[in-house]
C-alpha atoms as a PDB file:
ATOM      1  CA  MET A   1      78.625 126.802  82.906  1.00  0.00           C
ATOM      2  CA  LYS A   2      81.624 128.020  84.778  1.00  0.00           C
ATOM      3  CA  ARG A   3      84.811 126.231  83.872  1.00  0.00           C
ATOM      4  CA  ASP A   4      86.571 124.063  86.415  1.00  0.00           C
ATOM      5  CA  PHE A   5      88.214 126.928  87.689  1.00  0.00           C
ATOM      6  CA  GLU A   6      86.453 129.654  87.447  1.00  0.00           C
ATOM      7  CA  PHE A   7      85.478 131.100  90.804  1.00  0.00           C
ATOM      8  CA  ASP A   8      84.055 134.901  92.314  1.00  0.00           C
ATOM      9  CA  ALA A   9      87.723 136.475  92.694  1.00  0.00           C
ATOM     10  CA  SER A  10      86.160 137.772  95.916  1.00  0.00           C
ATOM     11  CA  ASP A  11      85.430 134.672  97.821  1.00  0.00           C
ATOM     12  CA  THR A  12      88.839 134.148  99.655  1.00  0.00           C
ATOM     13  CA  ALA A  13      87.855 130.126 100.600  1.00  0.00           C
ATOM     14  CA  ALA A  14      87.286 129.497  96.651  1.00  0.00           C
ATOM     15  CA  PHE A  15      91.116 130.628  95.584  1.00  0.00           C
ATOM     16  CA  LEU A  16      92.398 128.745  98.256  1.00  0.00           C
ATOM     17  CA  ASP A  17      90.086 125.976  97.497  1.00  0.00           C
ATOM     18  CA  HIS A  18      91.612 126.480  94.120  1.00  0.00           C
ATOM     19  CA  ILE A  19      95.523 127.003  94.875  1.00  0.00           C
ATOM     20  CA  TYR A  20      94.857 123.528  97.000  1.00  0.00           C
ATOM     21  CA  SER A  21      93.944 122.139  93.542  1.00  0.00           C
ATOM     22  CA  VAL A  22      97.106 122.789  92.132  1.00  0.00           C
ATOM     23  CA  SER A  23      99.406 122.396  94.837  1.00  0.00           C
ATOM     24  CA  VAL A  24      98.380 118.089  94.459  1.00  0.00           C
ATOM     25  CA  ASP A  25      97.954 118.384  91.127  1.00  0.00           C
ATOM     26  CA  PRO A  26     100.360 120.769  89.266  1.00  0.00           C
ATOM     27  CA  GLU A  27      99.533 120.132  85.814  1.00  0.00           C
ATOM     28  CA  ARG A  28      96.481 122.198  86.426  1.00  0.00           C
ATOM     29  CA  MET A  29      98.287 125.025  87.049  1.00  0.00           C
ATOM     30  CA  VAL A  30      97.373 126.343  83.222  1.00  0.00           C
ATOM     31  CA  ASP A  31      93.984 126.376  83.729  1.00  0.00           C
ATOM     32  CA  LEU A  32      94.257 127.955  86.882  1.00  0.00           C
ATOM     33  CA  VAL A  33      96.380 130.891  85.407  1.00  0.00           C
ATOM     34  CA  ASP A  34      94.011 131.319  82.222  1.00  0.00           C
ATOM     35  CA  SER A  35      91.359 131.827  84.920  1.00  0.00           C
ATOM     36  CA  TRP A  36      93.028 134.389  86.994  1.00  0.00           C
ATOM     37  CA  GLU A  37      94.038 136.420  83.608  1.00  0.00           C
ATOM     38  CA  ARG A  38      90.666 136.841  82.494  1.00  0.00           C
ATOM     39  CA  GLN A  39      89.206 137.795  85.762  1.00  0.00           C
ATOM     40  CA  LEU A  40      92.059 140.289  85.965  1.00  0.00           C
ATOM     41  CA  GLY A  41      90.874 141.237  82.697  1.00  0.00           C
ATOM     42  CA  LEU A  42      94.139 141.260  80.664  1.00  0.00           C
ATOM     43  CA  THR A  43      93.974 141.522  76.781  1.00  0.00           C
ATOM     44  CA  GLY A  44      95.470 139.541  74.047  1.00  0.00           C
ATOM     45  CA  VAL A  45      98.076 142.319  74.119  1.00  0.00           C
ATOM     46  CA  GLU A  46      99.141 142.089  77.606  1.00  0.00           C
ATOM     47  CA  ARG A  47      99.308 138.309  77.351  1.00  0.00           C
ATOM     48  CA  SER A  48     101.935 138.636  74.596  1.00  0.00           C
ATOM     49  CA  SER A  49     105.712 138.859  75.255  1.00  0.00           C
ATOM     50  CA  ALA A  50     106.935 142.754  75.503  1.00  0.00           C
ATOM     51  CA  THR A  51     110.528 142.759  73.683  1.00  0.00           C
ATOM     52  CA  ALA A  52     113.116 144.658  75.318  1.00  0.00           C
ATOM     53  CA  PRO A  53     115.325 147.744  73.767  1.00  0.00           C
ATOM     54  CA  ASP A  54     118.591 145.537  73.114  1.00  0.00           C
ATOM     55  CA  GLY A  55     116.249 142.212  71.260  1.00  0.00           C
ATOM     56  CA  HIS A  56     115.832 140.375  74.358  1.00  0.00           C
ATOM     57  CA  GLN A  57     112.859 138.954  75.400  1.00  0.00           C
ATOM     58  CA  THR A  58     111.350 140.146  78.578  1.00  0.00           C
ATOM     59  CA  PHE A  59     109.098 138.287  80.966  1.00  0.00           C
ATOM     60  CA  SER A  60     105.065 138.285  79.522  1.00  0.00           C
ATOM     61  CA  VAL A  61     101.988 139.375  82.324  1.00  0.00           C
ATOM     62  CA  ARG A  62     101.657 136.194  81.650  1.00  0.00           C
ATOM     63  CA  ASP A  63     104.992 134.712  83.095  1.00  0.00           C
ATOM     64  CA  GLN A  64     104.819 137.181  85.802  1.00  0.00           C
ATOM     65  CA  VAL A  65     101.287 135.666  86.977  1.00  0.00           C
ATOM     66  CA  VAL A  66     102.837 132.312  86.698  1.00  0.00           C
ATOM     67  CA  GLN A  67     106.004 133.432  89.244  1.00  0.00           C
ATOM     68  CA  ALA A  68     103.450 135.138  91.533  1.00  0.00           C
ATOM     69  CA  LEU A  69     101.126 132.498  91.538  1.00  0.00           C
ATOM     70  CA  ASP A  70     103.727 129.696  91.666  1.00  0.00           C
ATOM     71  CA  LYS A  71     104.991 131.729  94.817  1.00  0.00           C
ATOM     72  CA  VAL A  72     101.920 130.759  96.712  1.00  0.00           C
ATOM     73  CA  ILE A  73     101.381 127.335  95.728  1.00  0.00           C
ATOM     74  CA  SER A  74     105.156 126.494  96.492  1.00  0.00           C
ATOM     75  CA  ALA A  75     104.144 128.113 100.475  1.00  0.00           C
ATOM     76  CA  HIS A  76     101.016 125.821 100.375  1.00  0.00           C
ATOM     77  CA  ALA A  77     102.795 122.360  99.249  1.00  0.00           C
ATOM     78  CA  SER A  78     105.570 123.033 102.120  1.00  0.00           C
ATOM     79  CA  ARG A  79     102.531 123.436 104.482  1.00  0.00           C
ATOM     80  CA  ILE A  80     101.661 120.029 103.150  1.00  0.00           C
ATOM     81  CA  ALA A  81     104.904 119.256 103.809  1.00  0.00           C
ATOM     82  CA  GLU A  82     105.748 120.318 107.182  1.00  0.00           C
ATOM     83  CA  LEU A  83     101.727 118.308 108.097  1.00  0.00           C
ATOM     84  CA  LEU A  84     103.116 115.133 106.386  1.00  0.00           C
ATOM     85  CA  SER A  85     106.416 115.460 108.144  1.00  0.00           C
ATOM     86  CA  GLY A  86     104.858 116.202 111.845  1.00  0.00           C
ATOM     87  CA  PHE A  87     104.213 112.227 111.925  1.00  0.00           C
ATOM     88  CA  ARG A  88     106.813 109.876 112.914  1.00  0.00           C
ATOM     89  CA  THR A  89     105.471 106.833 111.030  1.00  0.00           C
ATOM     90  CA  ALA A  90     105.899 106.985 107.500  1.00  0.00           C
ATOM     91  CA  ALA A  91     102.601 109.104 105.847  1.00  0.00           C
ATOM     92  CA  CYS A  92     101.554 110.143 102.617  1.00  0.00           C
ATOM     93  CA  ILE A  93      98.213 111.801 100.626  1.00  0.00           C
ATOM     94  CA  ILE A  94      96.998 109.739  98.017  1.00  0.00           C
ATOM     95  CA  ASN A  95      94.439 111.129  95.326  1.00  0.00           C
ATOM     96  CA  ALA A  96      91.226 109.042  94.078  1.00  0.00           C
ATOM     97  CA  SER A  97      93.297 107.730  90.678  1.00  0.00           C
ATOM     98  CA  GLY A  98      95.583 106.092  93.355  1.00  0.00           C
ATOM     99  CA  LEU A  99      98.515 108.814  92.617  1.00  0.00           C
ATOM    100  CA  ILE A 100     100.646 109.723  95.763  1.00  0.00           C
ATOM    101  CA  VAL A 101     100.822 113.447  95.661  1.00  0.00           C
ATOM    102  CA  ALA A 102     102.383 114.074  99.062  1.00  0.00           C
ATOM    103  CA  SER A 103     104.108 111.963 101.872  1.00  0.00           C
ATOM    104  CA  ASN A 104     106.963 112.302 104.049  1.00  0.00           C
ATOM    105  CA  GLU A 105     110.783 111.152 104.662  1.00  0.00           C
ATOM    106  CA  ALA A 106     109.691 107.829 106.938  1.00  0.00           C
ATOM    107  CA  ALA A 107     107.267 106.831 103.831  1.00  0.00           C
ATOM    108  CA  ALA A 108     110.456 107.196 101.553  1.00  0.00           C
ATOM    109  CA  THR A 109     112.583 105.249 103.763  1.00  0.00           C
ATOM    110  CA  VAL A 110     110.738 102.399 104.927  1.00  0.00           C
ATOM    111  CA  LEU A 111     107.999 102.074 101.885  1.00  0.00           C
ATOM    112  CA  ASN A 112     110.044 103.596  99.069  1.00  0.00           C
ATOM    113  CA  ILE A 113     107.287 105.694  98.191  1.00  0.00           C
ATOM    114  CA  MET A 114     107.648 109.513  97.458  1.00  0.00           C
ATOM    115  CA  PRO A 115     105.248 112.160  95.326  1.00  0.00           C
ATOM    116  CA  GLY A 116     104.766 110.586  91.352  1.00  0.00           C
ATOM    117  CA  HIS A 117     104.365 106.871  92.808  1.00  0.00           C
ATOM    118  CA  ARG A 118     101.544 105.176  92.581  1.00  0.00           C
ATOM    119  CA  LEU A 119      99.360 102.870  95.177  1.00  0.00           C
ATOM    120  CA  SER A 120     100.372 100.102  93.015  1.00  0.00           C
ATOM    121  CA  ASP A 121     103.957 100.772  93.851  1.00  0.00           C
ATOM    122  CA  LEU A 122     103.768  99.810  97.234  1.00  0.00           C
ATOM    123  CA  GLU A 123     105.633  96.610  97.599  1.00  0.00           C
ATOM    124  CA  ILE A 124     103.122  94.350  99.580  1.00  0.00           C
ATOM    125  CA  GLU A 125     101.434  91.132  99.428  1.00  0.00           C
ATOM    126  CA  PRO A 126      99.330  90.833  96.824  1.00  0.00           C
ATOM    127  CA  ASP A 127      95.763  89.932  98.544  1.00  0.00           C
ATOM    128  CA  ASP A 128      96.441  92.685 100.913  1.00  0.00           C
ATOM    129  CA  PHE A 129      97.215  95.274  98.123  1.00  0.00           C
ATOM    130  CA  GLU A 130      94.006  94.433  96.598  1.00  0.00           C
ATOM    131  CA  ALA A 131      92.430  94.840 100.207  1.00  0.00           C
ATOM    132  CA  LEU A 132      93.851  98.258 100.456  1.00  0.00           C
ATOM    133  CA  ALA A 133      93.085  98.953  96.858  1.00  0.00           C
ATOM    134  CA  ASP A 134      89.074  98.576  97.406  1.00  0.00           C
ATOM    135  CA  LYS A 135      89.013 100.466 100.895  1.00  0.00           C
ATOM    136  CA  VAL A 136      90.935 103.415  99.225  1.00  0.00           C
ATOM    137  CA  ALA A 137      88.588 103.198  96.125  1.00  0.00           C
ATOM    138  CA  LEU A 138      85.670 103.045  98.612  1.00  0.00           C
ATOM    139  CA  LEU A 139      86.745 105.987 100.646  1.00  0.00           C
ATOM    140  CA  ALA A 140      87.173 108.050  97.435  1.00  0.00           C
ATOM    141  CA  SER A 141      84.181 107.487  95.909  1.00  0.00           C
ATOM    142  CA  ALA A 142      82.037 107.794  99.614  1.00  0.00           C
ATOM    143  CA  SER A 143      79.573 110.434  99.830  1.00  0.00           C
ATOM    144  CA  ALA A 144      80.961 111.539 102.915  1.00  0.00           C
ATOM    145  CA  CYS A 145      84.346 111.559 104.079  1.00  0.00           C
ATOM    146  CA  ARG A 146      84.861 108.415 106.617  1.00  0.00           C
ATOM    147  CA  ASP A 147      87.651 106.846 107.881  1.00  0.00           C
ATOM    148  CA  ALA A 148      89.256 103.256 108.017  1.00  0.00           C
ATOM    149  CA  ILE A 149      91.918 101.090 109.833  1.00  0.00           C
ATOM    150  CA  LEU A 150      93.626  98.022 107.553  1.00  0.00           C
ATOM    151  CA  GLN A 151      96.415  96.111 108.001  1.00  0.00           C
ATOM    152  CA  PHE A 152      99.147  94.793 105.180  1.00  0.00           C
ATOM    153  CA  ARG A 153     102.035  92.871 104.443  1.00  0.00           C
ATOM    154  CA  GLN A 154     105.172  94.126 103.036  1.00  0.00           C
ATOM    155  CA  VAL A 155     106.782  91.876 100.556  1.00  0.00           C
ATOM    156  CA  GLY A 156     109.309  89.797 102.365  1.00  0.00           C
ATOM    157  CA  SER A 157     108.136  90.764 105.830  1.00  0.00           C
ATOM    158  CA  SER A 158     106.498  88.767 108.586  1.00  0.00           C
ATOM    159  CA  HIS A 159     104.548  91.634 110.372  1.00  0.00           C
ATOM    160  CA  HIS A 160     101.469  93.614 109.580  1.00  0.00           C
ATOM    161  CA  VAL A 161     101.921  97.466 108.871  1.00  0.00           C
ATOM    162  CA  LEU A 162      98.896  99.008 110.265  1.00  0.00           C
ATOM    163  CA  ALA A 163      97.193 101.935 108.293  1.00  0.00           C
ATOM    164  CA  HIS A 164      94.812 104.685 109.285  1.00  0.00           C
ATOM    165  CA  LEU A 165      92.691 106.248 105.709  1.00  0.00           C
ATOM    166  CA  ARG A 166      91.058 109.256 106.180  1.00  0.00           C
ATOM    167  CA  ALA A 167      89.349 110.743 103.566  1.00  0.00           C
ATOM    168  CA  VAL A 168      89.431 114.849 102.602  1.00  0.00           C
ATOM    169  CA  ASP A 169      87.889 116.755 100.579  1.00  0.00           C
ATOM    170  CA  ALA A 170      90.540 118.893  98.044  1.00  0.00           C
ATOM    171  CA  GLY A 171      87.299 121.133  96.234  1.00  0.00           C
ATOM    172  CA  SER A 172      88.105 120.713  92.556  1.00  0.00           C
ATOM    173  CA  SER A 173      90.628 118.051  93.034  1.00  0.00           C
ATOM    174  CA  GLY A 174      88.398 115.687  94.298  1.00  0.00           C
ATOM    175  CA  ARG A 175      88.315 113.709  96.870  1.00  0.00           C
ATOM    176  CA  HIS A 176      91.930 112.774  98.516  1.00  0.00           C
ATOM    177  CA  LEU A 177      93.046 110.133 101.107  1.00  0.00           C
ATOM    178  CA  VAL A 178      95.557 110.731 103.749  1.00  0.00           C
ATOM    179  CA  MET A 179      97.109 107.520 104.880  1.00  0.00           C
ATOM    180  CA  VAL A 180      99.143 107.050 108.311  1.00  0.00           C
ATOM    181  CA  THR A 181     100.789 103.984 109.196  1.00  0.00           C
ATOM    182  CA  SER A 182     102.693 102.432 111.959  1.00  0.00           C
ATOM    183  CA  GLU A 183     105.996 101.974 110.017  1.00  0.00           C
ATOM    184  CA  HIS A 184     108.646 104.311 111.278  1.00  0.00           C
ATOM    185  CA  HIS A 185     111.616 105.831 110.241  1.00  0.00           C
ATOM    186  CA  TRP A 186     113.980 104.864 113.093  1.00  0.00           C
ATOM    187  CA  PRO A 187     117.245 107.399 112.907  1.00  0.00           C
ATOM    188  CA  ASP A 188     120.768 106.741 114.219  1.00  0.00           C
ATOM    189  CA  ALA A 189     120.001 109.772 117.039  1.00  0.00           C
ATOM    190  CA  VAL A 190     117.813 107.128 118.815  1.00  0.00           C
ATOM    191  CA  THR A 191     120.397 104.345 118.813  1.00  0.00           C
ATOM    192  CA  GLU A 192     123.129 106.869 119.938  1.00  0.00           C
ATOM    193  CA  LEU A 193     120.636 108.636 122.804  1.00  0.00           C
ATOM    194  CA  LEU A 194     120.223 104.997 123.888  1.00  0.00           C
ATOM    195  CA  ARG A 195     123.547 104.140 123.861  1.00  0.00           C
ATOM    196  CA  THR A 196     124.789 107.269 125.802  1.00  0.00           C
ATOM    197  CA  SER A 197     122.035 106.963 128.064  1.00  0.00           C
ATOM    198  CA  TYR A 198     122.183 103.324 128.973  1.00  0.00           C
ATOM    199  CA  GLY A 199     125.701 102.231 127.792  1.00  0.00           C
ATOM    200  CA  VAL A 200     123.162 100.286 125.076  1.00  0.00           C
ATOM    201  CA  THR A 201     125.154  98.283 121.907  1.00  0.00           C
ATOM    202  CA  THR A 202     124.326  98.671 118.152  1.00  0.00           C
ATOM    203  CA  ARG A 203     122.657  95.577 117.884  1.00  0.00           C
ATOM    204  CA  GLU A 204     120.497  95.963 121.291  1.00  0.00           C
ATOM    205  CA  ALA A 205     119.440  98.479 119.849  1.00  0.00           C
ATOM    206  CA  PHE A 206     118.269  96.833 116.559  1.00  0.00           C
ATOM    207  CA  VAL A 207     116.273  94.694 118.323  1.00  0.00           C
ATOM    208  CA  LEU A 208     114.734  97.283 120.024  1.00  0.00           C
ATOM    209  CA  GLN A 209     113.930  98.671 116.616  1.00  0.00           C
ATOM    210  CA  CYS A 210     112.333  95.118 116.301  1.00  0.00           C
ATOM    211  CA  ILE A 211     110.187  94.768 118.878  1.00  0.00           C
ATOM    212  CA  THR A 212     108.859  98.328 118.830  1.00  0.00           C
ATOM    213  CA  ARG A 213     108.271  97.892 115.037  1.00  0.00           C
ATOM    214  CA  GLY A 214     105.815  94.743 116.127  1.00  0.00           C
ATOM    215  CA  GLU A 215     108.321  91.834 115.582  1.00  0.00           C
ATOM    216  CA  SER A 216     108.539  88.643 116.940  1.00  0.00           C
ATOM    217  CA  VAL A 217     111.640  86.791 118.570  1.00  0.00           C
ATOM    218  CA  ALA A 218     111.502  84.190 115.533  1.00  0.00           C
ATOM    219  CA  ASP A 219     111.520  87.695 113.328  1.00  0.00           C
ATOM    220  CA  ILE A 220     114.267  88.863 114.682  1.00  0.00           C
ATOM    221  CA  ALA A 221     116.488  85.570 114.578  1.00  0.00           C
ATOM    222  CA  VAL A 222     115.693  85.326 111.291  1.00  0.00           C
ATOM    223  CA  ALA A 223     116.666  89.056 110.069  1.00  0.00           C
ATOM    224  CA  THR A 224     119.620  88.941 112.069  1.00  0.00           C
ATOM    225  CA  LYS A 225     120.656  85.479 111.510  1.00  0.00           C
ATOM    226  CA  ARG A 226     121.587  84.467 115.113  1.00  0.00           C
ATOM    227  CA  SER A 227     119.178  82.223 117.558  1.00  0.00           C
ATOM    228  CA  GLU A 228     116.107  83.294 119.301  1.00  0.00           C
ATOM    229  CA  ALA A 229     118.000  82.410 122.770  1.00  0.00           C
ATOM    230  CA  THR A 230     120.644  85.301 121.565  1.00  0.00           C
ATOM    231  CA  ILE A 231     117.781  87.639 120.550  1.00  0.00           C
ATOM    232  CA  ARG A 232     115.772  87.511 124.579  1.00  0.00           C
ATOM    233  CA  SER A 233     119.451  87.488 125.821  1.00  0.00           C
ATOM    234  CA  GLN A 234     119.694  91.003 124.045  1.00  0.00           C
ATOM    235  CA  ILE A 235     116.195  91.701 125.071  1.00  0.00           C
ATOM    236  CA  GLN A 236     117.344  90.853 128.983  1.00  0.00           C
ATOM    237  CA  ALA A 237     120.302  93.138 128.595  1.00  0.00           C
ATOM    238  CA  LEU A 238     117.662  95.889 126.924  1.00  0.00           C
ATOM    239  CA  LEU A 239     115.516  95.686 130.273  1.00  0.00           C
ATOM    240  CA  GLN A 240     118.663  95.736 132.931  1.00  0.00           C
ATOM    241  CA  LYS A 241     120.332  98.702 131.468  1.00  0.00           C
ATOM    242  CA  SER A 242     117.372 100.516 131.252  1.00  0.00           C
ATOM    243  CA  GLY A 243     115.509  99.905 134.678  1.00  0.00           C
ATOM    244  CA  LEU A 244     112.366  98.613 132.551  1.00  0.00           C
ATOM    245  CA  GLY A 245     110.170  95.526 133.797  1.00  0.00           C
ATOM    246  CA  SER A 246     108.920  93.785 131.031  1.00  0.00           C
ATOM    247  CA  GLN A 247     108.935  94.082 127.072  1.00  0.00           C
ATOM    248  CA  SER A 248     105.873  96.000 126.520  1.00  0.00           C
ATOM    249  CA  GLU A 249     107.789  98.796 128.867  1.00  0.00           C
ATOM    250  CA  LEU A 250     110.372  98.428 126.438  1.00  0.00           C
ATOM    251  CA  ILE A 251     108.351  99.346 123.509  1.00  0.00           C
ATOM    252  CA  ARG A 252     106.831 102.232 125.035  1.00  0.00           C
ATOM    253  CA  LEU A 253     110.293 103.643 125.612  1.00  0.00           C
ATOM    254  CA  GLY A 254     110.984 102.985 121.547  1.00  0.00           C
ATOM    255  CA  THR A 255     108.181 104.687 120.718  1.00  0.00           C
ATOM    256  CA  THR A 256     108.376 107.629 123.342  1.00  0.00           C
ATOM    257  CA  LEU A 257     112.103 108.345 121.639  1.00  0.00           C
ATOM    258  CA  LEU A 258     110.746 107.726 118.304  1.00  0.00           C
ATOM    259  CA  HIS A 259     107.969 110.586 118.599  1.00  0.00           C
ATOM    260  CA  SER A 260     110.106 112.693 120.550  1.00  0.00           C
ATOM    261  CA  MET A 261     113.419 112.865 118.569  1.00  0.00           C
ATOM    262  CA  GLY A 262     111.694 115.276 115.713  1.00  0.00           C
ATOM    263  CA  GLY A 263     112.552 115.243 112.369  1.00  0.00           C
ATOM    264  CA  PRO A 264     114.203 117.770 110.011  1.00  0.00           C
ATOM    265  CA  ALA A 265     111.871 121.106 108.815  1.00  0.00           C
ATOM    266  CA  VAL A 266     110.843 121.984 105.298  1.00  0.00           C
ATOM    267  CA  ASN A 267     113.334 123.946 104.067  1.00  0.00           C
ATOM    268  CA  GLU A 268     115.626 123.932 106.868  1.00  0.00           C
ATOM    269  CA  ALA A 269     119.408 124.790 105.723  1.00  0.00           C
ATOM    270  CA  SER A 270     121.203 121.253 105.047  1.00  0.00           C
ATOM    271  CA  ALA A 271     124.810 120.397 106.830  1.00  0.00           C
ATOM    272  CA  ASN A 272     126.434 121.933 104.242  1.00  0.00           C
ATOM    273  CA  GLY A 273     125.008 125.029 105.075  1.00  0.00           C
ATOM    274  CA  THR A 274     122.861 125.109 101.948  1.00  0.00           C
ATOM    275  CA  LYS A 275     119.474 126.052 101.996  1.00  0.00           C
ATOM    276  CA  LEU A 276     116.813 123.086 100.728  1.00  0.00           C
ATOM    277  CA  PRO A 277     114.856 124.238  97.311  1.00  0.00           C
ATOM    278  CA  PRO A 278     110.849 124.467  98.351  1.00  0.00           C
ATOM    279  CA  LEU A 279     108.541 122.030  96.886  1.00  0.00           C
ATOM    280  CA  TYR A 280     107.405 122.381  93.165  1.00  0.00           C
ATOM    281  CA  THR A 281     109.864 125.258  91.981  1.00  0.00           C
ATOM    282  CA  LEU A 282     109.518 126.538  88.730  1.00  0.00           C
ATOM    283  CA  LYS A 283     112.516 125.989  86.602  1.00  0.00           C
ATOM    284  CA  PRO A 284     112.846 128.218  83.534  1.00  0.00           C
ATOM    285  CA  LEU A 285     114.554 126.440  80.004  1.00  0.00           C
ATOM    286  CA  ALA A 286     114.894 129.509  77.393  1.00  0.00           C
ATOM    287  CA  LEU A 287     113.835 127.499  73.950  1.00  0.00           C
ATOM    288  CA  PRO A 288     115.652 129.015  70.292  1.00  0.00           C
ATOM    289  CA  ASP A 289     112.491 130.588  69.334  1.00  0.00           C
ATOM    290  CA  GLY A 290     113.075 132.760  72.263  1.00  0.00           C
ATOM    291  CA  ARG A 291     109.560 131.311  74.047  1.00  0.00           C
ATOM    292  CA  THR A 292     110.581 130.288  78.047  1.00  0.00           C
ATOM    293  CA  ILE A 293     109.087 127.039  79.009  1.00  0.00           C
ATOM    294  CA  PHE A 294     108.827 126.199  83.147  1.00  0.00           C
ATOM    295  CA  TYR A 295     109.303 123.079  84.649  1.00  0.00           C
ATOM    296  CA  ARG A 296     109.321 121.141  87.987  1.00  0.00           C
ATOM    297  CA  VAL A 297     111.592 118.438  89.046  1.00  0.00           C
ATOM    298  CA  ALA A 298     109.172 116.280  91.632  1.00  0.00           C
ATOM    299  CA  GLY A 299     110.125 113.239  93.599  1.00  0.00           C
ATOM    300  CA  ALA A 300     113.342 112.807  96.537  1.00  0.00           C
ATOM    301  CA  PRO A 301     116.577 113.684  94.921  1.00  0.00           C
ATOM    302  CA  LEU A 302     117.753 110.204  95.321  1.00  0.00           C
ATOM    303  CA  GLY A 303     114.862 108.620  94.128  1.00  0.00           C
ATOM    304  CA  ARG A 304     113.169 108.374  91.003  1.00  0.00           C
ATOM    305  CA  PRO A 305     112.462 112.141  89.670  1.00  0.00           C
ATOM    306  CA  PHE A 306     109.768 112.695  87.122  1.00  0.00           C
ATOM    307  CA  LEU A 307     109.373 116.152  85.142  1.00  0.00           C
ATOM    308  CA  LEU A 308     106.065 118.155  84.754  1.00  0.00           C
END
């Protein structure tokens, strides 16, 4: 029998499939490296570490294999991030065991989830979570890839979040689910554009944000601690300033702005001119006995990191 990571080295599709397996499940790196080494025909001597004339340990062939492979995996993981960043609403990828293996900025901002979290970390009403978990399990175990639409409520919120679940096969990593939700991150740039174009105030822009998200006048009044009459007055002000004729047209305006403003690209230079590190970058750590181990820190910089 072939091992989990055995494949025909001449089969490019199979090779890329296994690369994807590691990009969404990095702890499988060792198995893939072992398989690659066997197919390259490396001997035990070649795999052992070499020593430089000055007594310092140099990189072993295995280390070189790991570094070369990691460049491919990092590039593939970046493509996954680019896919999710294309969604202006909160989106993530979940594996069959409920682990979130990728997510976009909106998911971290409005759903408070990021890679390394689990489906159970979603702060949603218990009954809604049970329905979501059941649907994820059903799609993950189905004989063919299927889609589903469901809704849930976040804890403390009265409006429903719509979610589109799409099952995709990830080769030896098994079935994964892409979840795209209706929850969006409202960038400050949208408020600024409304201010410069229509003279909209910050409070009025917040009301537009809320109705674009599907909240009622009563919901907005509770959230802002203002009367419903005040909220209706602000909606009227939005209509007059924008020249639109109905609340549904205001929602279309908010949705259009959200999907047209764009977002940060993967590895885009930050405000201070530094380049952001690629996803899943290996970092070396020299041990006292001369060996070197490589590790990754996953998770957003301001989130909850974990080591791989």
